[in-house]
N, C-alpha and C. Protein backbone atom coordinates (compact mmCIF):
# COMPACT_ATOMS: atom_id res chain seq x y z
N MET A 1 52.46 143.96 105.88
CA MET A 1 52.51 144.32 104.47
C MET A 1 51.24 143.80 103.80
N ASN A 2 50.70 144.60 102.93
CA ASN A 2 49.52 144.25 102.13
C ASN A 2 49.84 143.00 101.31
N SER A 3 48.89 142.09 101.20
CA SER A 3 49.13 140.84 100.47
C SER A 3 49.38 141.09 98.98
N ARG A 4 48.77 142.13 98.43
CA ARG A 4 49.00 142.45 97.02
C ARG A 4 50.41 143.01 96.80
N ILE A 5 50.89 143.77 97.74
CA ILE A 5 52.27 144.28 97.64
C ILE A 5 53.26 143.12 97.79
N ALA A 6 52.94 142.17 98.66
CA ALA A 6 53.80 140.99 98.80
C ALA A 6 53.83 140.18 97.50
N ALA A 7 52.68 140.04 96.87
CA ALA A 7 52.62 139.33 95.58
C ALA A 7 53.40 140.10 94.52
N PHE A 8 53.29 141.42 94.52
CA PHE A 8 54.06 142.27 93.60
C PHE A 8 55.55 142.00 93.76
N GLU A 9 56.02 142.01 95.00
CA GLU A 9 57.44 141.81 95.27
C GLU A 9 57.91 140.43 94.79
N LYS A 10 57.16 139.41 95.11
CA LYS A 10 57.53 138.05 94.71
C LYS A 10 57.54 137.87 93.20
N LEU A 11 56.57 138.47 92.52
CA LEU A 11 56.51 138.35 91.07
C LEU A 11 57.66 139.08 90.38
N VAL A 12 58.08 140.21 90.93
CA VAL A 12 59.23 140.90 90.35
C VAL A 12 60.49 140.06 90.56
N TYR A 13 60.64 139.47 91.75
CA TYR A 13 61.78 138.59 91.99
C TYR A 13 61.77 137.41 91.03
N ALA A 14 60.58 136.85 90.77
CA ALA A 14 60.47 135.72 89.84
C ALA A 14 60.85 136.16 88.43
N SER A 15 60.43 137.35 88.03
CA SER A 15 60.78 137.88 86.72
C SER A 15 62.30 138.03 86.59
N CYS A 16 62.92 138.55 87.63
CA CYS A 16 64.38 138.71 87.62
C CYS A 16 65.07 137.34 87.51
N ALA A 17 64.56 136.37 88.25
CA ALA A 17 65.15 135.03 88.21
C ALA A 17 65.00 134.40 86.83
N PHE A 18 63.82 134.54 86.22
CA PHE A 18 63.62 134.02 84.86
C PHE A 18 64.55 134.69 83.86
N GLY A 19 64.80 135.96 84.05
CA GLY A 19 65.73 136.66 83.16
C GLY A 19 67.13 136.09 83.22
N VAL A 20 67.61 135.85 84.44
CA VAL A 20 68.95 135.28 84.61
C VAL A 20 68.99 133.85 84.07
N ILE A 21 67.99 133.06 84.39
CA ILE A 21 67.95 131.68 83.88
C ILE A 21 67.91 131.67 82.36
N SER A 22 67.12 132.57 81.78
CA SER A 22 67.02 132.66 80.33
C SER A 22 68.37 132.98 79.70
N SER A 23 69.11 133.91 80.30
CA SER A 23 70.40 134.27 79.71
C SER A 23 71.42 133.15 79.87
N LEU A 24 71.26 132.31 80.88
CA LEU A 24 72.17 131.18 81.05
C LEU A 24 71.80 130.02 80.11
N VAL A 25 70.49 129.81 79.92
CA VAL A 25 70.05 128.73 79.03
C VAL A 25 70.34 129.07 77.57
N VAL A 26 70.02 130.29 77.19
CA VAL A 26 70.26 130.75 75.82
C VAL A 26 71.53 131.60 75.87
N TYR A 27 72.65 130.94 76.04
CA TYR A 27 73.93 131.62 76.28
C TYR A 27 74.40 132.33 75.01
N LYS A 28 74.63 133.63 75.13
CA LYS A 28 75.11 134.42 73.99
C LYS A 28 76.39 135.17 74.34
N GLY A 29 77.05 134.73 75.38
CA GLY A 29 78.30 135.36 75.77
C GLY A 29 78.26 135.84 77.21
N ALA A 30 79.46 135.94 77.77
CA ALA A 30 79.58 136.32 79.17
C ALA A 30 79.10 137.75 79.42
N SER A 31 79.32 138.63 78.46
CA SER A 31 78.91 140.02 78.67
C SER A 31 77.38 140.14 78.75
N GLU A 32 76.67 139.39 77.93
CA GLU A 32 75.21 139.45 77.99
C GLU A 32 74.69 138.87 79.30
N VAL A 33 75.31 137.80 79.79
CA VAL A 33 74.93 137.24 81.09
C VAL A 33 75.19 138.25 82.19
N ALA A 34 76.33 138.93 82.12
CA ALA A 34 76.67 139.93 83.13
C ALA A 34 75.67 141.08 83.11
N TYR A 35 75.29 141.55 81.92
CA TYR A 35 74.29 142.62 81.82
C TYR A 35 72.96 142.18 82.40
N THR A 36 72.60 140.94 82.14
CA THR A 36 71.33 140.41 82.65
C THR A 36 71.36 140.32 84.17
N ILE A 37 72.47 139.88 84.73
CA ILE A 37 72.58 139.78 86.19
C ILE A 37 72.51 141.16 86.83
N VAL A 38 73.18 142.13 86.23
CA VAL A 38 73.12 143.50 86.75
C VAL A 38 71.69 144.04 86.65
N GLY A 39 71.03 143.79 85.52
CA GLY A 39 69.64 144.22 85.35
C GLY A 39 68.71 143.56 86.35
N ALA A 40 68.92 142.28 86.62
CA ALA A 40 68.10 141.56 87.59
C ALA A 40 68.34 142.11 89.00
N ALA A 41 69.58 142.44 89.31
CA ALA A 41 69.88 143.02 90.62
C ALA A 41 69.20 144.38 90.78
N VAL A 42 69.23 145.18 89.73
CA VAL A 42 68.56 146.49 89.78
C VAL A 42 67.05 146.28 89.96
N GLY A 43 66.47 145.33 89.22
CA GLY A 43 65.05 145.03 89.35
C GLY A 43 64.69 144.57 90.76
N ALA A 44 65.55 143.73 91.34
CA ALA A 44 65.29 143.24 92.70
C ALA A 44 65.36 144.38 93.71
N VAL A 45 66.32 145.27 93.54
CA VAL A 45 66.43 146.42 94.44
C VAL A 45 65.21 147.33 94.30
N LEU A 46 64.77 147.56 93.07
CA LEU A 46 63.57 148.37 92.85
C LEU A 46 62.35 147.73 93.50
N ALA A 47 62.22 146.41 93.37
CA ALA A 47 61.10 145.71 94.00
C ALA A 47 61.15 145.84 95.51
N TRP A 48 62.34 145.69 96.08
CA TRP A 48 62.50 145.81 97.52
C TRP A 48 62.15 147.23 97.99
N LEU A 49 62.64 148.23 97.25
CA LEU A 49 62.34 149.62 97.61
C LEU A 49 60.84 149.90 97.53
N ALA A 50 60.19 149.40 96.48
CA ALA A 50 58.76 149.65 96.31
C ALA A 50 57.94 148.92 97.37
N ALA A 51 58.28 147.67 97.63
CA ALA A 51 57.47 146.86 98.55
C ALA A 51 57.77 147.15 100.01
N ARG A 52 59.03 147.28 100.35
CA ARG A 52 59.41 147.40 101.77
C ARG A 52 59.54 148.83 102.25
N LYS A 53 59.93 149.73 101.35
CA LYS A 53 60.16 151.12 101.76
C LYS A 53 59.10 152.08 101.23
N GLY A 54 58.17 151.57 100.44
CA GLY A 54 57.09 152.40 99.94
C GLY A 54 57.51 153.41 98.88
N ALA A 55 58.58 153.12 98.17
CA ALA A 55 59.07 154.03 97.13
C ALA A 55 58.23 153.85 95.87
N GLY A 56 57.26 154.71 95.69
CA GLY A 56 56.38 154.62 94.54
C GLY A 56 57.11 154.79 93.22
N TRP A 57 58.13 155.62 93.19
CA TRP A 57 58.90 155.83 91.96
C TRP A 57 59.54 154.53 91.49
N ALA A 58 59.97 153.69 92.42
CA ALA A 58 60.59 152.42 92.05
C ALA A 58 59.55 151.49 91.41
N ALA A 59 58.36 151.48 91.97
CA ALA A 59 57.29 150.66 91.40
C ALA A 59 56.92 151.15 90.01
N TRP A 60 56.87 152.45 89.82
CA TRP A 60 56.53 152.99 88.51
C TRP A 60 57.61 152.70 87.49
N LEU A 61 58.86 152.66 87.90
CA LEU A 61 59.92 152.24 86.98
C LEU A 61 59.72 150.79 86.56
N LEU A 62 59.35 149.94 87.49
CA LEU A 62 59.09 148.54 87.16
C LEU A 62 57.88 148.40 86.23
N ILE A 63 56.86 149.21 86.46
CA ILE A 63 55.69 149.19 85.59
C ILE A 63 56.08 149.64 84.19
N LEU A 64 56.92 150.66 84.10
CA LEU A 64 57.40 151.11 82.79
C LEU A 64 58.20 150.01 82.11
N MET A 65 59.01 149.29 82.87
CA MET A 65 59.77 148.16 82.31
C MET A 65 58.82 147.08 81.79
N ALA A 66 57.72 146.85 82.49
CA ALA A 66 56.73 145.86 82.05
C ALA A 66 56.10 146.28 80.72
N VAL A 67 55.80 147.56 80.59
CA VAL A 67 55.19 148.06 79.35
C VAL A 67 56.17 147.92 78.19
N VAL A 68 57.41 148.34 78.40
CA VAL A 68 58.42 148.25 77.34
C VAL A 68 58.66 146.79 76.95
N SER A 69 58.74 145.93 77.95
CA SER A 69 58.97 144.51 77.68
C SER A 69 57.79 143.91 76.91
N THR A 70 56.58 144.29 77.27
CA THR A 70 55.40 143.79 76.57
C THR A 70 55.41 144.23 75.11
N VAL A 71 55.74 145.49 74.87
CA VAL A 71 55.82 145.97 73.49
C VAL A 71 56.90 145.21 72.72
N GLY A 72 58.02 144.94 73.37
CA GLY A 72 59.09 144.18 72.72
C GLY A 72 58.68 142.77 72.38
N ILE A 73 57.97 142.11 73.28
CA ILE A 73 57.51 140.74 73.04
C ILE A 73 56.48 140.72 71.91
N VAL A 74 55.53 141.64 71.94
CA VAL A 74 54.53 141.71 70.88
C VAL A 74 55.21 141.98 69.54
N GLY A 75 56.21 142.86 69.56
CA GLY A 75 56.95 143.14 68.34
C GLY A 75 57.70 141.92 67.83
N ALA A 76 58.27 141.14 68.74
CA ALA A 76 59.00 139.93 68.35
C ALA A 76 58.05 138.87 67.80
N LEU A 77 56.83 138.83 68.32
CA LEU A 77 55.86 137.84 67.85
C LEU A 77 55.27 138.21 66.50
N PHE A 78 55.07 139.51 66.26
CA PHE A 78 54.33 139.93 65.07
C PHE A 78 55.17 140.71 64.06
N GLY A 79 56.44 140.85 64.29
CA GLY A 79 57.28 141.58 63.35
C GLY A 79 58.36 142.35 64.09
N VAL A 80 59.29 142.86 63.35
CA VAL A 80 60.41 143.56 63.96
C VAL A 80 60.05 145.04 64.14
N THR A 81 60.25 145.53 65.35
CA THR A 81 60.05 146.94 65.65
C THR A 81 61.36 147.51 66.20
N ALA A 82 61.41 148.80 66.36
CA ALA A 82 62.61 149.43 66.91
C ALA A 82 62.87 148.95 68.34
N ILE A 83 61.81 148.77 69.11
CA ILE A 83 61.99 148.30 70.49
C ILE A 83 62.48 146.86 70.49
N THR A 84 61.95 146.03 69.59
CA THR A 84 62.41 144.65 69.50
C THR A 84 63.90 144.61 69.19
N GLN A 85 64.33 145.45 68.26
CA GLN A 85 65.74 145.49 67.91
C GLN A 85 66.59 145.97 69.08
N ALA A 86 66.04 146.86 69.91
CA ALA A 86 66.79 147.35 71.07
C ALA A 86 66.86 146.29 72.17
N LEU A 87 65.80 145.49 72.33
CA LEU A 87 65.76 144.49 73.40
C LEU A 87 66.49 143.21 73.04
N PHE A 88 66.47 142.83 71.77
CA PHE A 88 67.09 141.59 71.35
C PHE A 88 68.20 141.91 70.36
N THR A 89 69.40 141.35 70.60
CA THR A 89 70.52 141.59 69.68
C THR A 89 70.28 140.91 68.34
N GLN A 90 69.54 139.84 68.35
CA GLN A 90 69.15 139.16 67.13
C GLN A 90 67.76 138.58 67.34
N LYS A 91 67.12 138.15 66.26
CA LYS A 91 65.76 137.62 66.39
C LYS A 91 65.77 136.44 67.36
N PRO A 92 64.94 136.51 68.41
CA PRO A 92 64.95 135.44 69.41
C PRO A 92 64.38 134.14 68.87
N ASP A 93 64.97 133.02 69.31
CA ASP A 93 64.43 131.72 68.92
C ASP A 93 63.25 131.38 69.82
N GLY A 94 62.66 130.23 69.60
CA GLY A 94 61.45 129.86 70.34
C GLY A 94 61.64 129.78 71.84
N LEU A 95 62.73 129.15 72.28
CA LEU A 95 62.96 129.00 73.71
C LEU A 95 63.21 130.36 74.37
N GLU A 96 64.03 131.18 73.76
CA GLU A 96 64.31 132.50 74.33
C GLU A 96 63.04 133.34 74.40
N LEU A 97 62.25 133.29 73.34
CA LEU A 97 61.01 134.06 73.31
C LEU A 97 60.03 133.57 74.37
N ALA A 98 59.96 132.25 74.56
CA ALA A 98 59.07 131.69 75.57
C ALA A 98 59.49 132.14 76.97
N MET A 99 60.78 132.11 77.24
CA MET A 99 61.26 132.54 78.56
C MET A 99 61.06 134.04 78.76
N GLU A 100 61.23 134.81 77.71
CA GLU A 100 60.97 136.25 77.80
C GLU A 100 59.49 136.51 78.06
N CYS A 101 58.61 135.68 77.47
CA CYS A 101 57.18 135.82 77.71
C CYS A 101 56.83 135.56 79.17
N VAL A 102 57.44 134.54 79.76
CA VAL A 102 57.20 134.23 81.18
C VAL A 102 57.71 135.38 82.05
N GLU A 103 58.90 135.87 81.73
CA GLU A 103 59.48 136.99 82.48
C GLU A 103 58.57 138.22 82.41
N THR A 104 58.09 138.51 81.22
CA THR A 104 57.21 139.67 81.03
C THR A 104 55.87 139.46 81.71
N ALA A 105 55.34 138.24 81.64
CA ALA A 105 54.07 137.96 82.30
C ALA A 105 54.17 138.18 83.80
N CYS A 106 55.30 137.81 84.38
CA CYS A 106 55.51 138.05 85.81
C CYS A 106 55.50 139.55 86.11
N LEU A 107 56.17 140.34 85.27
CA LEU A 107 56.21 141.80 85.47
C LEU A 107 54.83 142.42 85.30
N VAL A 108 54.08 141.95 84.30
CA VAL A 108 52.74 142.49 84.08
C VAL A 108 51.83 142.14 85.26
N ALA A 109 51.91 140.91 85.74
CA ALA A 109 51.11 140.51 86.90
C ALA A 109 51.52 141.31 88.14
N ALA A 110 52.81 141.53 88.31
CA ALA A 110 53.30 142.33 89.43
C ALA A 110 52.74 143.75 89.34
N SER A 111 52.73 144.30 88.15
CA SER A 111 52.18 145.65 87.95
C SER A 111 50.71 145.69 88.34
N TYR A 112 49.97 144.68 87.93
CA TYR A 112 48.55 144.60 88.29
C TYR A 112 48.39 144.61 89.81
N PHE A 113 49.15 143.78 90.51
CA PHE A 113 49.02 143.72 91.97
C PHE A 113 49.41 145.05 92.62
N TYR A 114 50.41 145.72 92.08
CA TYR A 114 50.79 147.00 92.66
C TYR A 114 49.69 148.03 92.44
N LEU A 115 49.16 148.08 91.22
CA LEU A 115 48.15 149.08 90.90
C LEU A 115 46.83 148.85 91.62
N THR A 116 46.55 147.62 92.02
CA THR A 116 45.31 147.31 92.74
C THR A 116 45.54 147.15 94.24
N ALA A 117 46.72 147.48 94.71
CA ALA A 117 47.03 147.30 96.14
C ALA A 117 46.18 148.21 97.02
N ARG A 118 45.87 149.40 96.56
CA ARG A 118 45.07 150.33 97.37
C ARG A 118 43.68 149.77 97.62
N LYS A 119 43.12 149.11 96.59
CA LYS A 119 41.79 148.51 96.74
C LYS A 119 41.84 147.31 97.67
N GLY A 120 42.98 146.59 97.66
CA GLY A 120 43.11 145.40 98.49
C GLY A 120 43.57 145.70 99.90
N ALA A 121 43.84 146.96 100.21
CA ALA A 121 44.35 147.32 101.53
C ALA A 121 43.33 147.04 102.63
N ALA A 122 42.06 147.18 102.30
CA ALA A 122 41.02 146.95 103.30
C ALA A 122 40.76 145.47 103.51
N ALA A 123 41.11 144.65 102.54
CA ALA A 123 40.83 143.21 102.62
C ALA A 123 41.80 142.50 103.52
């Protein structure tokens, strides 16, 4: 496996783990934790499909998730947007926002490694 694809896979797994940890630390109810766990499981399956089975569509879904998450974080930092309202049930506090930033940073970095994997294939 290409080292960049391996980094992509690990970073998506890290993002999923941060999401679950964030929902447990900033507890807002069992249903939100359950949704987060299901979302993390879907993200992990998509990462596995993209990295191990070469499913490009799965990687592009993860890249789309990174873009949406980035827009949501920027919206939460600089004002309320429709995407921010969709991603957060209420205005996130400092700890939740920080953990969401780490989760999103992992997804953005994973996207970078996936998109540059073709260039790194020869290395």
